[in-house]
Amino acid sequence: MDVDVFLHQPAGPASTWAATCAPGDELVLTGPDARAGYTGYGIHYTPPEPPSRLLLVGDASALPAIRNILAALAHDTRADVFLELSNPVDNSLESPAPGTRIRVIEPDAVTAGGSADDSSSKSADDSTVEQAPDSALERAVREWGAQNGADLTGDPTAYAWIAGEAGATTRLRRYLTADLAMPKERVAFLGYWKLGGPLVG
C-alpha cells in the first residue's frame, strides 16, 4: 500500500509523523471501507449514476483522490480537472483519456504549501470563509465556468467533486450551486485542511 501525505506548515500530527518516520516504524490506518457501504464519512465521491460530464477541483492534498477517480472513469467520460500545485513536477496524474482536460494552477503565495508566513497566527473561523479573497484555483474555475457552465449544468448526469482548503471548497461549492445553478446533490465538497488554523477544534 502506498500512502501519500501532504506536508503542511505549520505541521500537524500527520505532517510531523511523515517528516520524521523511518523504515520499520509502525502505522495504524483506520477509515471507511467501500465494501461496507456508505458510512457517512470518508467516501465523498458518490455520483447518483456514472457521470458523462465531470468536474474535479483540488489542490495537492486532493491529488491522490483525483488520480483514483480518473482511473475508474469510463473511457468516454468528459472530465475537466483543475489542480493547484506549487510545483508542476508534483503532478502524478497519468496521461489523460481523450475526453479529460487537466489544468495545473500555480497557487497564490498565501496558499502555497498550506500557509503563508503570517497565517499561523490567524484564526480561520467561519467568517474567514466569507471574507477571504478568491484563490488562484477559485479564479480559474470561475473563468472556466463563465465559458462552460451552461454546458456542464445542461448535462443531467454532470457531477462535481471539490476537495482541498476548507474555505476554497465551500466558496466553490456555493459558486457551482448558486451561480451556475448546479443541483446540490451533484456537487460533493470536503475540506482536507484549513488556512491559518486546525481543521477541527
C-alpha atoms as a PDB file:
ATOM      1  CA  MET A   1       0.000   0.000   0.000  1.00  0.00           C
ATOM      2  CA  ASP A   2       1.245   3.486  -0.899  1.00  0.00           C
ATOM      3  CA  VAL A   3       0.260   6.363   1.399  1.00  0.00           C
ATOM      4  CA  ASP A   4       0.563   9.948   0.141  1.00  0.00           C
ATOM      5  CA  VAL A   5       0.938  12.599   2.852  1.00  0.00           C
ATOM      6  CA  PHE A   6       0.621  16.340   2.274  1.00  0.00           C
ATOM      7  CA  LEU A   7       3.204  18.184   4.401  1.00  0.00           C
ATOM      8  CA  HIS A   8       1.559  21.234   5.960  1.00  0.00           C
ATOM      9  CA  GLN A   9       3.350  24.158   7.591  1.00  0.00           C
ATOM     10  CA  PRO A  10       2.970  24.579  10.476  1.00  0.00           C
ATOM     11  CA  ALA A  11       2.994  20.812  10.781  1.00  0.00           C
ATOM     12  CA  GLY A  12       0.161  18.939  12.447  1.00  0.00           C
ATOM     13  CA  PRO A  13       0.348  15.366  13.794  1.00  0.00           C
ATOM     14  CA  ALA A  14       0.294  13.664  10.371  1.00  0.00           C
ATOM     15  CA  SER A  15       2.842  16.021   8.796  1.00  0.00           C
ATOM     16  CA  THR A  16       5.129  15.700  11.816  1.00  0.00           C
ATOM     17  CA  TRP A  17       4.981  11.917  11.614  1.00  0.00           C
ATOM     18  CA  ALA A  18       5.617  11.884   7.856  1.00  0.00           C
ATOM     19  CA  ALA A  19       8.631  14.167   8.198  1.00  0.00           C
ATOM     20  CA  THR A  20      10.230  12.121  10.989  1.00  0.00           C
ATOM     21  CA  CYS A  21       9.278   8.490  10.282  1.00  0.00           C
ATOM     22  CA  ALA A  22      11.837   5.862   9.349  1.00  0.00           C
ATOM     23  CA  PRO A  23      11.762   2.411   7.717  1.00  0.00           C
ATOM     24  CA  GLY A  24      10.345  -0.092  10.172  1.00  0.00           C
ATOM     25  CA  ASP A  25       8.079   2.364  12.003  1.00  0.00           C
ATOM     26  CA  GLU A  26       4.561   1.035  12.503  1.00  0.00           C
ATOM     27  CA  LEU A  27       1.459   2.827  11.258  1.00  0.00           C
ATOM     28  CA  VAL A  28      -2.157   2.053  12.116  1.00  0.00           C
ATOM     29  CA  LEU A  29      -4.708   3.041   9.462  1.00  0.00           C
ATOM     30  CA  THR A  30      -8.411   3.472  10.064  1.00  0.00           C
ATOM     31  CA  GLY A  31     -11.126   4.736   7.785  1.00  0.00           C
ATOM     32  CA  PRO A  32     -14.112   3.866   5.614  1.00  0.00           C
ATOM     33  CA  ASP A  33     -14.262   0.684   3.583  1.00  0.00           C
ATOM     34  CA  ALA A  34     -16.258   0.786   0.349  1.00  0.00           C
ATOM     35  CA  ARG A  35     -17.124  -2.888   0.835  1.00  0.00           C
ATOM     36  CA  ALA A  36     -19.145  -1.940   3.932  1.00  0.00           C
ATOM     37  CA  GLY A  37     -21.340   0.530   2.050  1.00  0.00           C
ATOM     38  CA  TYR A  38     -21.726   4.235   2.759  1.00  0.00           C
ATOM     39  CA  THR A  39     -20.756   5.068   6.341  1.00  0.00           C
ATOM     40  CA  GLY A  40     -21.418   8.811   6.249  1.00  0.00           C
ATOM     41  CA  TYR A  41     -17.789   9.833   6.177  1.00  0.00           C
ATOM     42  CA  GLY A  42     -14.663   9.400   4.123  1.00  0.00           C
ATOM     43  CA  ILE A  43     -16.170   8.350   0.786  1.00  0.00           C
ATOM     44  CA  HIS A  44     -17.469  11.548  -0.800  1.00  0.00           C
ATOM     45  CA  TYR A  45     -17.302  10.704  -4.489  1.00  0.00           C
ATOM     46  CA  THR A  46     -20.819   9.280  -4.829  1.00  0.00           C
ATOM     47  CA  PRO A  47     -22.468  10.323  -8.129  1.00  0.00           C
ATOM     48  CA  PRO A  48     -26.063   9.055  -8.421  1.00  0.00           C
ATOM     49  CA  GLU A  49     -25.104   7.386 -11.696  1.00  0.00           C
ATOM     50  CA  PRO A  50     -21.910   7.238 -13.766  1.00  0.00           C
ATOM     51  CA  PRO A  51     -21.465  10.827 -14.981  1.00  0.00           C
ATOM     52  CA  SER A  52     -20.936  11.629 -18.622  1.00  0.00           C
ATOM     53  CA  ARG A  53     -19.561  15.035 -17.606  1.00  0.00           C
ATOM     54  CA  LEU A  54     -17.311  15.550 -14.592  1.00  0.00           C
ATOM     55  CA  LEU A  55     -15.596  18.490 -12.889  1.00  0.00           C
ATOM     56  CA  LEU A  56     -12.768  17.734 -10.455  1.00  0.00           C
ATOM     57  CA  VAL A  57     -11.153  20.534  -8.436  1.00  0.00           C
ATOM     58  CA  GLY A  58      -8.438  20.213  -5.813  1.00  0.00           C
ATOM     59  CA  ASP A  59      -5.031  21.198  -4.509  1.00  0.00           C
ATOM     60  CA  ALA A  60      -2.025  18.991  -3.758  1.00  0.00           C
ATOM     61  CA  SER A  61      -3.817  17.387  -0.805  1.00  0.00           C
ATOM     62  CA  ALA A  62      -6.537  16.116  -3.179  1.00  0.00           C
ATOM     63  CA  LEU A  63      -4.168  14.727  -5.803  1.00  0.00           C
ATOM     64  CA  PRO A  64      -4.344  11.048  -4.720  1.00  0.00           C
ATOM     65  CA  ALA A  65      -8.155  11.088  -4.704  1.00  0.00           C
ATOM     66  CA  ILE A  66      -8.335  12.788  -8.112  1.00  0.00           C
ATOM     67  CA  ARG A  67      -5.912  10.235  -9.510  1.00  0.00           C
ATOM     68  CA  ASN A  68      -8.106   7.354  -8.291  1.00  0.00           C
ATOM     69  CA  ILE A  69     -11.337   8.950  -9.561  1.00  0.00           C
ATOM     70  CA  LEU A  70      -9.877   9.426 -13.038  1.00  0.00           C
ATOM     71  CA  ALA A  71      -8.560   5.870 -13.126  1.00  0.00           C
ATOM     72  CA  ALA A  72     -12.063   4.488 -12.503  1.00  0.00           C
ATOM     73  CA  LEU A  73     -13.884   6.617 -15.101  1.00  0.00           C
ATOM     74  CA  ALA A  74     -15.487   5.197 -18.206  1.00  0.00           C
ATOM     75  CA  HIS A  75     -13.298   5.861 -21.225  1.00  0.00           C
ATOM     76  CA  ASP A  76     -15.845   8.192 -22.857  1.00  0.00           C
ATOM     77  CA  THR A  77     -16.399  10.430 -19.792  1.00  0.00           C
ATOM     78  CA  ARG A  78     -15.712  14.122 -20.381  1.00  0.00           C
ATOM     79  CA  ALA A  79     -13.722  15.385 -17.405  1.00  0.00           C
ATOM     80  CA  ASP A  80     -12.278  18.797 -16.584  1.00  0.00           C
ATOM     81  CA  VAL A  81      -9.636  18.797 -13.849  1.00  0.00           C
ATOM     82  CA  PHE A  82      -8.312  21.862 -12.018  1.00  0.00           C
ATOM     83  CA  LEU A  83      -5.277  21.029  -9.909  1.00  0.00           C
ATOM     84  CA  GLU A  84      -3.482  23.639  -7.800  1.00  0.00           C
ATOM     85  CA  LEU A  85       0.205  22.727  -7.374  1.00  0.00           C
ATOM     86  CA  SER A  86       3.157  24.776  -6.172  1.00  0.00           C
ATOM     87  CA  ASN A  87       5.466  22.624  -8.290  1.00  0.00           C
ATOM     88  CA  PRO A  88       4.184  21.097 -11.566  1.00  0.00           C
ATOM     89  CA  VAL A  89       6.638  18.231 -11.019  1.00  0.00           C
ATOM     90  CA  ASP A  90       4.287  17.006  -8.275  1.00  0.00           C
ATOM     91  CA  ASN A  91       1.620  16.251 -10.885  1.00  0.00           C
ATOM     92  CA  SER A  92       1.405  12.460 -10.678  1.00  0.00           C
ATOM     93  CA  LEU A  93      -1.711  12.082 -12.839  1.00  0.00           C
ATOM     94  CA  GLU A  94      -1.404   9.559 -15.622  1.00  0.00           C
ATOM     95  CA  SER A  95      -1.739  10.583 -19.251  1.00  0.00           C
ATOM     96  CA  PRO A  96      -5.366  11.647 -19.509  1.00  0.00           C
ATOM     97  CA  ALA A  97      -8.013   9.862 -21.512  1.00  0.00           C
ATOM     98  CA  PRO A  98      -9.104  11.622 -24.732  1.00  0.00           C
ATOM     99  CA  GLY A  99     -12.030  13.361 -23.002  1.00  0.00           C
ATOM    100  CA  THR A 100     -10.046  14.586 -19.978  1.00  0.00           C
ATOM    101  CA  ARG A 101      -8.555  18.065 -19.777  1.00  0.00           C
ATOM    102  CA  ILE A 102      -6.138  18.822 -16.938  1.00  0.00           C
ATOM    103  CA  ARG A 103      -5.181  22.355 -15.927  1.00  0.00           C
ATOM    104  CA  VAL A 104      -2.399  22.862 -13.383  1.00  0.00           C
ATOM    105  CA  ILE A 105      -2.796  26.146 -11.492  1.00  0.00           C
ATOM    106  CA  GLU A 106       0.039  27.889  -9.648  1.00  0.00           C
ATOM    107  CA  PRO A 107      -1.234  28.909  -6.187  1.00  0.00           C
ATOM    108  CA  ASP A 108      -1.104  32.369  -4.699  1.00  0.00           C
ATOM    109  CA  ALA A 109       1.671  32.836  -2.135  1.00  0.00           C
ATOM    110  CA  VAL A 110      -0.779  32.724   0.787  1.00  0.00           C
ATOM    111  CA  THR A 111      -1.978  29.195  -0.047  1.00  0.00           C
ATOM    112  CA  ALA A 112       1.240  27.684  -1.399  1.00  0.00           C
ATOM    113  CA  GLY A 113       2.338  24.883   0.896  1.00  0.00           C
ATOM    114  CA  GLY A 114      -0.717  25.254   3.095  1.00  0.00           C
ATOM    115  CA  SER A 115       0.102  28.570   4.754  1.00  0.00           C
ATOM    116  CA  ALA A 116       1.806  31.912   4.475  1.00  0.00           C
ATOM    117  CA  ASP A 117       4.372  33.245   6.911  1.00  0.00           C
ATOM    118  CA  ASP A 118       1.735  35.024   8.965  1.00  0.00           C
ATOM    119  CA  SER A 119      -1.156  32.606   8.540  1.00  0.00           C
ATOM    120  CA  SER A 120      -0.377  30.522  11.620  1.00  0.00           C
ATOM    121  CA  SER A 121      -1.210  33.460  13.878  1.00  0.00           C
ATOM    122  CA  LYS A 122      -4.688  33.919  12.433  1.00  0.00           C
ATOM    123  CA  SER A 123      -7.783  32.017  13.384  1.00  0.00           C
ATOM    124  CA  ALA A 124      -9.643  30.596  10.374  1.00  0.00           C
ATOM    125  CA  ASP A 125     -13.185  30.830  11.721  1.00  0.00           C
ATOM    126  CA  ASP A 126     -16.389  30.731   9.667  1.00  0.00           C
ATOM    127  CA  SER A 127     -16.157  34.454   8.888  1.00  0.00           C
ATOM    128  CA  THR A 128     -12.860  33.847   7.122  1.00  0.00           C
ATOM    129  CA  VAL A 129     -14.673  31.719   4.559  1.00  0.00           C
ATOM    130  CA  GLU A 130     -16.844  34.709   3.688  1.00  0.00           C
ATOM    131  CA  GLN A 131     -14.121  37.382   3.794  1.00  0.00           C
ATOM    132  CA  ALA A 132     -11.158  35.586   2.216  1.00  0.00           C
ATOM    133  CA  PRO A 133     -10.365  36.585  -1.381  1.00  0.00           C
ATOM    134  CA  ASP A 134     -10.645  34.011  -4.111  1.00  0.00           C
ATOM    135  CA  SER A 135      -7.571  31.840  -4.535  1.00  0.00           C
ATOM    136  CA  ALA A 136      -5.891  31.271  -7.902  1.00  0.00           C
ATOM    137  CA  LEU A 137      -7.710  27.944  -8.091  1.00  0.00           C
ATOM    138  CA  GLU A 138     -11.088  29.573  -7.486  1.00  0.00           C
ATOM    139  CA  ARG A 139     -10.442  32.254 -10.098  1.00  0.00           C
ATOM    140  CA  ALA A 140      -9.515  29.613 -12.667  1.00  0.00           C
ATOM    141  CA  VAL A 141     -12.720  27.656 -12.012  1.00  0.00           C
ATOM    142  CA  ARG A 142     -14.843  30.799 -12.223  1.00  0.00           C
ATOM    143  CA  GLU A 143     -13.247  31.797 -15.523  1.00  0.00           C
ATOM    144  CA  TRP A 144     -13.879  28.314 -16.854  1.00  0.00           C
ATOM    145  CA  GLY A 145     -17.449  28.369 -15.567  1.00  0.00           C
ATOM    146  CA  ALA A 146     -18.192  31.620 -17.384  1.00  0.00           C
ATOM    147  CA  GLN A 147     -17.464  29.836 -20.655  1.00  0.00           C
ATOM    148  CA  ASN A 148     -18.559  26.277 -19.880  1.00  0.00           C
ATOM    149  CA  GLY A 149     -21.096  26.496 -17.066  1.00  0.00           C
ATOM    150  CA  ALA A 150     -24.156  26.106 -19.279  1.00  0.00           C
ATOM    151  CA  ASP A 151     -22.669  23.033 -20.931  1.00  0.00           C
ATOM    152  CA  LEU A 152     -21.919  21.489 -17.531  1.00  0.00           C
ATOM    153  CA  THR A 153     -25.310  22.138 -15.965  1.00  0.00           C
ATOM    154  CA  GLY A 154     -27.083  21.170 -19.184  1.00  0.00           C
ATOM    155  CA  ASP A 155     -25.931  17.571 -18.720  1.00  0.00           C
ATOM    156  CA  PRO A 156     -28.360  15.798 -16.331  1.00  0.00           C
ATOM    157  CA  THR A 157     -25.638  13.353 -15.235  1.00  0.00           C
ATOM    158  CA  ALA A 158     -22.971  16.019 -14.592  1.00  0.00           C
ATOM    159  CA  TYR A 159     -21.150  15.744 -11.266  1.00  0.00           C
ATOM    160  CA  ALA A 160     -18.599  17.924  -9.477  1.00  0.00           C
ATOM    161  CA  TRP A 161     -16.110  16.911  -6.790  1.00  0.00           C
ATOM    162  CA  ILE A 162     -14.119  19.566  -4.904  1.00  0.00           C
ATOM    163  CA  ALA A 163     -11.517  18.996  -2.193  1.00  0.00           C
ATOM    164  CA  GLY A 164      -8.661  20.877  -0.567  1.00  0.00           C
ATOM    165  CA  GLU A 165      -8.571  24.001   1.608  1.00  0.00           C
ATOM    166  CA  ALA A 166     -11.859  24.257   3.527  1.00  0.00           C
ATOM    167  CA  GLY A 167     -12.671  27.886   2.704  1.00  0.00           C
ATOM    168  CA  ALA A 168     -11.973  27.467  -1.007  1.00  0.00           C
ATOM    169  CA  THR A 169     -14.049  24.305  -1.293  1.00  0.00           C
ATOM    170  CA  THR A 170     -17.005  25.988   0.428  1.00  0.00           C
ATOM    171  CA  ARG A 171     -16.857  29.034  -1.843  1.00  0.00           C
ATOM    172  CA  LEU A 172     -16.531  26.912  -4.980  1.00  0.00           C
ATOM    173  CA  ARG A 173     -19.478  24.756  -3.992  1.00  0.00           C
ATOM    174  CA  ARG A 174     -21.517  27.919  -3.456  1.00  0.00           C
ATOM    175  CA  TYR A 175     -20.444  29.206  -6.878  1.00  0.00           C
ATOM    176  CA  LEU A 176     -21.481  25.986  -8.647  1.00  0.00           C
ATOM    177  CA  THR A 177     -24.842  25.681  -6.891  1.00  0.00           C
ATOM    178  CA  ALA A 178     -25.831  29.361  -6.673  1.00  0.00           C
ATOM    179  CA  ASP A 179     -24.235  30.996  -9.715  1.00  0.00           C
ATOM    180  CA  LEU A 180     -24.312  28.064 -12.138  1.00  0.00           C
ATOM    181  CA  ALA A 181     -27.465  26.504 -10.617  1.00  0.00           C
ATOM    182  CA  MET A 182     -25.965  23.033 -10.389  1.00  0.00           C
ATOM    183  CA  PRO A 183     -28.091  20.743  -8.170  1.00  0.00           C
ATOM    184  CA  LYS A 184     -26.589  20.488  -4.676  1.00  0.00           C
ATOM    185  CA  GLU A 185     -26.789  16.700  -4.663  1.00  0.00           C
ATOM    186  CA  ARG A 186     -24.447  16.688  -7.667  1.00  0.00           C
ATOM    187  CA  VAL A 187     -21.700  18.728  -6.003  1.00  0.00           C
ATOM    188  CA  ALA A 188     -19.513  16.924  -3.453  1.00  0.00           C
ATOM    189  CA  PHE A 189     -17.099  19.050  -1.441  1.00  0.00           C
ATOM    190  CA  LEU A 190     -14.828  18.459   1.518  1.00  0.00           C
ATOM    191  CA  GLY A 191     -12.127  20.407   3.289  1.00  0.00           C
ATOM    192  CA  TYR A 192      -8.937  18.478   3.894  1.00  0.00           C
ATOM    193  CA  TRP A 193      -7.263  21.390   5.710  1.00  0.00           C
ATOM    194  CA  LYS A 194      -7.929  24.993   6.769  1.00  0.00           C
ATOM    195  CA  LEU A 195      -5.767  28.018   6.006  1.00  0.00           C
ATOM    196  CA  GLY A 196      -4.459  29.602   9.189  1.00  0.00           C
ATOM    197  CA  GLY A 197      -5.503  27.018  11.745  1.00  0.00           C
ATOM    198  CA  PRO A 198      -6.615  23.464  12.535  1.00  0.00           C
ATOM    199  CA  LEU A 199      -9.460  21.948  10.533  1.00  0.00           C
ATOM    200  CA  VAL A 200     -11.193  20.671  13.666  1.00  0.00           C
ATOM    201  CA  GLY A 201     -11.353  22.350  17.065  1.00  0.00           C
END
